[in-house]
N, C-alpha and C. Protein backbone atom coordinates (compact mmCIF):
# COMPACT_ATOMS: atom_id res chain seq x y z
N MET A 1 -63.30 -74.78 -7.00
CA MET A 1 -62.59 -73.89 -7.38
C MET A 1 -62.79 -72.44 -7.13
N ALA A 2 -61.76 -71.72 -6.83
CA ALA A 2 -61.98 -70.29 -6.42
C ALA A 2 -62.87 -69.58 -7.60
N LYS A 3 -63.63 -68.59 -7.38
CA LYS A 3 -64.27 -67.77 -8.25
C LYS A 3 -63.45 -66.82 -8.65
N LEU A 4 -63.37 -66.58 -10.04
CA LEU A 4 -62.68 -65.45 -10.89
C LEU A 4 -63.52 -64.38 -11.01
N GLN A 5 -62.93 -63.12 -10.53
CA GLN A 5 -64.00 -61.97 -10.68
C GLN A 5 -63.07 -60.97 -11.41
N SER A 6 -63.64 -60.06 -12.43
CA SER A 6 -62.65 -59.11 -13.23
C SER A 6 -62.66 -58.01 -12.34
N LEU A 7 -61.54 -57.31 -12.16
CA LEU A 7 -61.42 -55.77 -11.63
C LEU A 7 -61.88 -54.90 -12.58
N ASP A 8 -61.60 -55.07 -13.88
CA ASP A 8 -62.31 -54.19 -14.80
C ASP A 8 -63.01 -54.91 -15.64
N PRO A 9 -64.56 -54.90 -15.52
CA PRO A 9 -65.50 -55.70 -16.34
C PRO A 9 -65.19 -55.64 -17.77
N HIS A 10 -64.58 -54.28 -18.49
CA HIS A 10 -64.36 -54.13 -19.72
C HIS A 10 -63.33 -54.94 -20.17
N THR A 11 -62.35 -55.29 -19.39
CA THR A 11 -61.13 -56.11 -19.80
C THR A 11 -60.78 -57.46 -18.83
N PRO A 12 -61.60 -58.42 -18.88
CA PRO A 12 -61.16 -59.51 -18.06
C PRO A 12 -59.86 -60.08 -18.41
N MET A 13 -59.32 -60.75 -17.31
CA MET A 13 -57.83 -61.20 -17.67
C MET A 13 -57.69 -62.20 -18.59
N PHE A 14 -58.88 -63.04 -18.93
CA PHE A 14 -58.78 -63.95 -20.30
C PHE A 14 -58.44 -63.07 -21.47
N ALA A 15 -59.21 -61.92 -21.59
CA ALA A 15 -59.20 -61.12 -22.63
C ALA A 15 -57.81 -60.36 -23.09
N GLN A 16 -57.10 -60.21 -21.78
CA GLN A 16 -55.70 -59.66 -21.61
C GLN A 16 -54.63 -60.74 -22.22
N PHE A 17 -54.98 -61.99 -22.08
CA PHE A 17 -53.98 -63.00 -22.47
C PHE A 17 -53.89 -62.84 -24.12
N LYS A 18 -54.80 -62.14 -24.46
CA LYS A 18 -54.61 -62.13 -26.21
C LYS A 18 -53.43 -60.92 -26.58
N GLU A 19 -53.22 -59.96 -25.63
CA GLU A 19 -52.45 -59.10 -25.91
C GLU A 19 -50.94 -59.51 -25.83
N GLU A 20 -50.01 -59.27 -26.99
CA GLU A 20 -48.90 -59.86 -26.98
C GLU A 20 -47.87 -58.64 -26.39
N THR A 21 -47.50 -58.70 -25.29
CA THR A 21 -46.83 -57.54 -24.52
C THR A 21 -46.12 -58.17 -23.43
N GLY A 22 -45.03 -57.27 -23.11
CA GLY A 22 -44.08 -57.83 -21.66
C GLY A 22 -43.31 -56.85 -21.59
N PRO A 23 -42.55 -56.81 -20.60
CA PRO A 23 -42.97 -57.64 -19.40
C PRO A 23 -44.30 -57.05 -18.75
N ILE A 24 -44.90 -58.11 -17.88
CA ILE A 24 -46.23 -57.56 -17.57
C ILE A 24 -46.20 -57.98 -15.98
N VAL A 25 -47.27 -57.31 -15.01
CA VAL A 25 -47.26 -57.72 -13.88
C VAL A 25 -48.80 -58.13 -13.62
N LEU A 26 -48.78 -59.46 -12.96
CA LEU A 26 -50.24 -59.99 -12.55
C LEU A 26 -50.44 -59.49 -11.09
N ALA A 27 -51.49 -58.77 -10.90
CA ALA A 27 -51.74 -58.34 -9.70
C ALA A 27 -53.25 -59.17 -9.27
N ASN A 28 -52.94 -60.11 -8.42
CA ASN A 28 -54.21 -60.95 -8.30
C ASN A 28 -54.52 -60.93 -6.62
N THR A 29 -55.80 -60.42 -6.47
CA THR A 29 -56.20 -60.28 -4.82
C THR A 29 -57.05 -61.19 -4.96
N PHE A 30 -57.10 -61.64 -3.56
CA PHE A 30 -57.93 -62.86 -3.21
C PHE A 30 -58.61 -62.46 -1.73
N LEU A 31 -59.85 -62.67 -1.71
CA LEU A 31 -60.73 -62.45 -0.82
C LEU A 31 -61.00 -64.03 0.04
N VAL A 32 -60.24 -64.07 1.20
CA VAL A 32 -60.15 -65.40 1.86
C VAL A 32 -61.07 -65.19 3.14
N PRO A 33 -61.92 -66.22 3.33
CA PRO A 33 -62.60 -65.85 4.76
C PRO A 33 -61.95 -66.15 5.84
N LYS A 34 -62.38 -65.67 6.74
CA LYS A 34 -61.59 -65.74 8.28
C LYS A 34 -61.51 -67.03 8.53
N GLY A 35 -60.02 -67.15 9.02
CA GLY A 35 -59.59 -68.54 9.50
C GLY A 35 -59.14 -69.43 8.57
N ARG A 36 -59.17 -68.80 7.15
CA ARG A 36 -58.94 -69.82 6.19
C ARG A 36 -57.71 -69.51 5.43
N ALA A 37 -56.91 -68.30 5.99
CA ALA A 37 -55.72 -67.99 5.52
C ALA A 37 -54.40 -68.98 5.38
N GLU A 38 -54.53 -69.69 6.43
CA GLU A 38 -53.26 -70.59 6.60
C GLU A 38 -53.26 -71.77 5.41
N SER A 39 -54.55 -72.26 5.49
CA SER A 39 -54.81 -73.50 4.28
C SER A 39 -54.61 -72.99 3.06
N PHE A 40 -55.26 -71.72 2.70
CA PHE A 40 -55.15 -71.06 1.59
C PHE A 40 -53.71 -70.77 0.99
N LEU A 41 -52.87 -70.31 1.92
CA LEU A 41 -51.34 -70.17 1.65
C LEU A 41 -50.70 -71.48 1.36
N ALA A 42 -50.81 -72.60 2.06
CA ALA A 42 -50.27 -73.56 1.79
C ALA A 42 -50.49 -74.15 0.37
N LEU A 43 -51.98 -74.06 -0.10
CA LEU A 43 -52.02 -74.40 -1.48
C LEU A 43 -51.24 -73.24 -2.42
N PHE A 44 -51.43 -72.12 -2.13
CA PHE A 44 -50.82 -71.17 -3.10
C PHE A 44 -49.24 -71.18 -3.06
N GLN A 45 -48.75 -71.72 -2.10
CA GLN A 45 -47.38 -72.16 -1.97
C GLN A 45 -47.03 -73.11 -2.91
N ARG A 46 -47.85 -74.02 -3.29
CA ARG A 46 -47.35 -75.27 -4.38
C ARG A 46 -47.71 -74.57 -5.46
N GLN A 47 -48.84 -73.81 -5.75
CA GLN A 47 -49.10 -73.23 -6.88
C GLN A 47 -47.76 -72.28 -7.33
N ALA A 48 -47.34 -71.45 -6.32
CA ALA A 48 -46.07 -70.69 -6.63
C ALA A 48 -44.87 -71.34 -7.06
N GLU A 49 -44.56 -72.62 -6.40
CA GLU A 49 -43.48 -73.26 -6.78
C GLU A 49 -43.52 -73.72 -8.34
N PHE A 50 -44.89 -74.20 -8.49
CA PHE A 50 -44.98 -74.49 -9.92
C PHE A 50 -44.67 -73.18 -10.80
N MET A 51 -45.30 -72.07 -10.67
CA MET A 51 -45.04 -71.03 -11.68
C MET A 51 -43.50 -70.78 -11.56
N LYS A 52 -42.90 -70.67 -10.46
CA LYS A 52 -41.55 -70.09 -10.44
C LYS A 52 -40.79 -70.86 -11.45
N ALA A 53 -41.06 -72.26 -11.72
CA ALA A 53 -40.31 -73.12 -12.61
C ALA A 53 -40.52 -73.04 -13.97
N GLN A 54 -41.94 -72.21 -14.24
CA GLN A 54 -42.20 -72.08 -15.79
C GLN A 54 -41.39 -70.96 -16.50
N PRO A 55 -41.26 -71.11 -17.83
CA PRO A 55 -40.45 -70.19 -18.75
C PRO A 55 -40.98 -68.94 -18.71
N GLY A 56 -40.36 -67.86 -18.64
CA GLY A 56 -41.03 -66.38 -18.43
C GLY A 56 -41.26 -66.01 -17.31
N PHE A 57 -41.19 -66.92 -15.87
CA PHE A 57 -41.46 -66.34 -14.79
C PHE A 57 -40.31 -65.20 -14.39
N VAL A 58 -40.64 -64.33 -13.86
CA VAL A 58 -39.48 -63.49 -13.22
C VAL A 58 -39.32 -63.35 -11.68
N SER A 59 -40.79 -62.95 -11.13
CA SER A 59 -40.43 -62.88 -9.62
C SER A 59 -42.07 -62.87 -9.05
N LEU A 60 -42.24 -63.12 -7.68
CA LEU A 60 -43.50 -63.34 -7.08
C LEU A 60 -43.43 -62.68 -5.68
N GLN A 61 -44.50 -62.25 -5.18
CA GLN A 61 -44.62 -61.53 -3.82
C GLN A 61 -46.08 -61.68 -3.37
N MET A 62 -46.19 -62.32 -2.27
CA MET A 62 -47.32 -62.32 -1.60
C MET A 62 -47.65 -60.97 -0.58
N HIS A 63 -48.76 -60.45 -0.38
CA HIS A 63 -49.00 -59.27 0.58
C HIS A 63 -50.21 -59.57 1.42
N GLU A 64 -50.42 -59.10 2.50
CA GLU A 64 -51.41 -59.22 3.29
C GLU A 64 -52.06 -58.13 3.70
N GLY A 65 -53.40 -58.03 3.58
CA GLY A 65 -54.04 -56.78 4.08
C GLY A 65 -53.73 -56.66 5.50
N THR A 66 -53.81 -55.27 5.89
CA THR A 66 -53.39 -54.98 7.17
C THR A 66 -54.64 -54.65 8.16
N GLY A 67 -54.58 -54.86 9.41
CA GLY A 67 -55.71 -54.68 10.30
C GLY A 67 -56.65 -55.90 10.26
N ASP A 68 -57.79 -55.84 10.03
CA ASP A 68 -58.60 -57.22 10.27
C ASP A 68 -59.29 -57.29 8.67
N SER A 69 -58.16 -57.30 7.81
CA SER A 69 -58.32 -57.45 6.33
C SER A 69 -58.36 -58.96 6.19
N GLN A 70 -59.44 -59.28 5.18
CA GLN A 70 -59.53 -60.80 4.77
C GLN A 70 -58.83 -60.87 3.44
N LEU A 71 -57.96 -59.77 2.80
CA LEU A 71 -57.31 -59.81 1.56
C LEU A 71 -55.97 -60.20 1.55
N LEU A 72 -55.70 -60.88 0.52
CA LEU A 72 -54.31 -61.31 0.23
C LEU A 72 -53.91 -60.93 -1.25
N MET A 73 -52.86 -60.26 -1.47
CA MET A 73 -52.65 -59.96 -2.99
C MET A 73 -51.12 -60.49 -3.44
N ASN A 74 -51.02 -61.23 -4.63
CA ASN A 74 -50.16 -61.76 -5.22
C ASN A 74 -49.72 -60.80 -6.13
N ILE A 75 -48.26 -60.49 -6.35
CA ILE A 75 -47.87 -59.72 -7.26
C ILE A 75 -46.82 -60.42 -8.05
N ALA A 76 -46.92 -60.82 -9.39
CA ALA A 76 -46.08 -61.72 -10.05
C ALA A 76 -45.69 -60.79 -11.33
N VAL A 77 -44.42 -60.99 -11.66
CA VAL A 77 -43.78 -60.33 -12.71
C VAL A 77 -43.47 -61.49 -13.81
N TRP A 78 -44.01 -61.33 -15.06
CA TRP A 78 -43.59 -62.06 -16.01
C TRP A 78 -43.04 -61.48 -17.12
N GLU A 79 -42.24 -62.30 -18.02
CA GLU A 79 -41.61 -61.73 -19.31
C GLU A 79 -42.68 -61.27 -20.35
N SER A 80 -43.84 -62.12 -20.43
CA SER A 80 -44.86 -61.86 -21.32
C SER A 80 -46.02 -62.27 -20.93
N THR A 81 -47.36 -61.92 -21.80
CA THR A 81 -48.54 -62.46 -21.23
C THR A 81 -48.56 -63.59 -21.81
N GLU A 82 -47.89 -63.99 -23.04
CA GLU A 82 -47.87 -65.33 -23.68
C GLU A 82 -47.34 -66.46 -22.63
N ALA A 83 -46.40 -66.17 -21.80
CA ALA A 83 -45.63 -66.95 -20.92
C ALA A 83 -46.64 -67.23 -19.83
N LEU A 84 -47.35 -66.22 -19.40
CA LEU A 84 -48.11 -66.19 -18.14
C LEU A 84 -49.42 -67.09 -18.57
N ALA A 85 -49.93 -66.87 -19.88
CA ALA A 85 -51.17 -67.57 -20.29
C ALA A 85 -50.74 -69.28 -20.29
N ARG A 86 -49.62 -69.48 -20.87
CA ARG A 86 -49.15 -70.71 -21.16
C ARG A 86 -49.16 -71.65 -19.78
N ALA A 87 -48.53 -70.97 -18.71
CA ALA A 87 -48.19 -71.52 -17.21
C ALA A 87 -49.58 -71.60 -16.86
N PHE A 88 -50.48 -70.63 -17.00
CA PHE A 88 -51.95 -70.77 -16.52
C PHE A 88 -52.70 -71.67 -16.74
N GLY A 89 -52.59 -71.91 -18.08
CA GLY A 89 -53.26 -72.80 -18.93
C GLY A 89 -52.91 -74.32 -18.90
N SER A 90 -51.68 -74.44 -18.12
CA SER A 90 -51.27 -75.76 -18.15
C SER A 90 -51.88 -76.66 -17.28
N PRO A 91 -52.27 -77.87 -17.89
CA PRO A 91 -53.01 -79.10 -16.94
C PRO A 91 -52.73 -79.03 -15.61
N GLU A 92 -51.11 -79.09 -15.33
CA GLU A 92 -50.99 -79.25 -13.84
C GLU A 92 -51.35 -78.02 -12.89
N PHE A 93 -51.24 -76.81 -13.62
CA PHE A 93 -51.72 -75.82 -12.77
C PHE A 93 -53.25 -75.56 -12.65
N GLN A 94 -53.79 -75.99 -13.81
CA GLN A 94 -55.28 -76.21 -13.63
C GLN A 94 -55.97 -77.20 -12.77
N ARG A 95 -55.23 -78.38 -12.28
CA ARG A 95 -55.37 -79.19 -11.45
C ARG A 95 -55.28 -78.79 -9.95
N MET A 96 -54.12 -77.96 -9.81
CA MET A 96 -54.12 -77.10 -8.59
C MET A 96 -55.03 -76.12 -8.24
N ALA A 97 -55.32 -75.34 -9.34
CA ALA A 97 -56.37 -74.29 -9.08
C ALA A 97 -57.67 -75.01 -8.74
N ALA A 98 -57.99 -76.28 -9.25
CA ALA A 98 -59.25 -76.69 -9.01
C ALA A 98 -59.35 -77.13 -7.36
N GLU A 99 -58.22 -77.21 -6.69
CA GLU A 99 -58.33 -77.53 -5.52
C GLU A 99 -58.69 -76.47 -4.61
N SER A 100 -58.53 -75.21 -5.02
CA SER A 100 -58.96 -74.01 -4.44
C SER A 100 -60.55 -74.04 -3.85
N PRO A 101 -60.64 -73.79 -2.51
CA PRO A 101 -62.38 -73.89 -2.28
C PRO A 101 -63.20 -72.77 -2.81
N ASP A 102 -64.24 -73.28 -3.19
CA ASP A 102 -65.14 -72.38 -3.73
C ASP A 102 -65.63 -70.84 -3.08
N ASP A 103 -65.13 -70.88 -1.61
CA ASP A 103 -65.65 -69.59 -1.08
C ASP A 103 -64.37 -68.57 -1.21
N ILE A 104 -63.27 -68.93 -1.98
CA ILE A 104 -62.28 -67.97 -2.12
C ILE A 104 -62.67 -67.30 -3.34
N VAL A 105 -62.45 -65.86 -3.48
CA VAL A 105 -62.64 -65.04 -4.71
C VAL A 105 -61.32 -64.47 -5.08
N SER A 106 -61.12 -64.57 -6.42
CA SER A 106 -59.83 -64.05 -6.99
C SER A 106 -60.14 -63.01 -8.10
N TYR A 107 -59.35 -61.92 -7.94
CA TYR A 107 -59.50 -60.89 -8.54
C TYR A 107 -58.20 -60.36 -9.41
N PRO A 108 -58.08 -61.35 -10.54
CA PRO A 108 -56.73 -61.14 -11.19
C PRO A 108 -56.71 -60.09 -12.15
N HIS A 109 -55.68 -59.27 -12.57
CA HIS A 109 -55.53 -58.44 -13.71
C HIS A 109 -54.20 -58.23 -14.00
N ILE A 110 -53.85 -58.31 -15.41
CA ILE A 110 -52.44 -57.95 -15.79
C ILE A 110 -52.20 -56.28 -16.26
N PHE A 111 -51.03 -55.91 -15.83
CA PHE A 111 -50.66 -54.40 -15.97
C PHE A 111 -49.50 -54.53 -16.49
N GLU A 112 -49.04 -53.27 -17.36
CA GLU A 112 -47.76 -52.93 -17.81
C GLU A 112 -47.35 -51.85 -17.05
N GLN A 113 -45.96 -51.57 -16.99
CA GLN A 113 -45.38 -50.63 -16.33
C GLN A 113 -45.43 -49.29 -17.05
N ILE A 114 -45.69 -48.06 -16.45
CA ILE A 114 -45.65 -46.94 -17.34
C ILE A 114 -44.78 -45.88 -16.81
N ASN A 115 -44.25 -45.31 -17.23
CA ASN A 115 -43.37 -43.91 -16.56
C ASN A 115 -44.25 -42.90 -16.22
N VAL A 116 -43.92 -42.42 -15.17
CA VAL A 116 -44.54 -41.20 -14.62
C VAL A 116 -43.74 -40.23 -13.97
């Protein structure tokens, strides 16, 4: 299973699931070893199809780092933290997440939009 790391050590994603708010944006950056992006994206595609069918899902986009980067970033919009937590915690999604190789590192964090 991919290693989950916190971008903000004071507020890991699982603590964020307790916040009742929405809409929210899940930004999940993945560190994928060289030569592994294609197989990782095939698994991610299956996970994305599952998530797209879940209540509260709004949209999803995957981004690739430029140059020689080993980073991929998923940006997903959900109606609420509750909807994301339900989908993430489902047994079916957890089975797919367990298929991720151990050398993948995931940095998920939940954000809310603010006006600037």
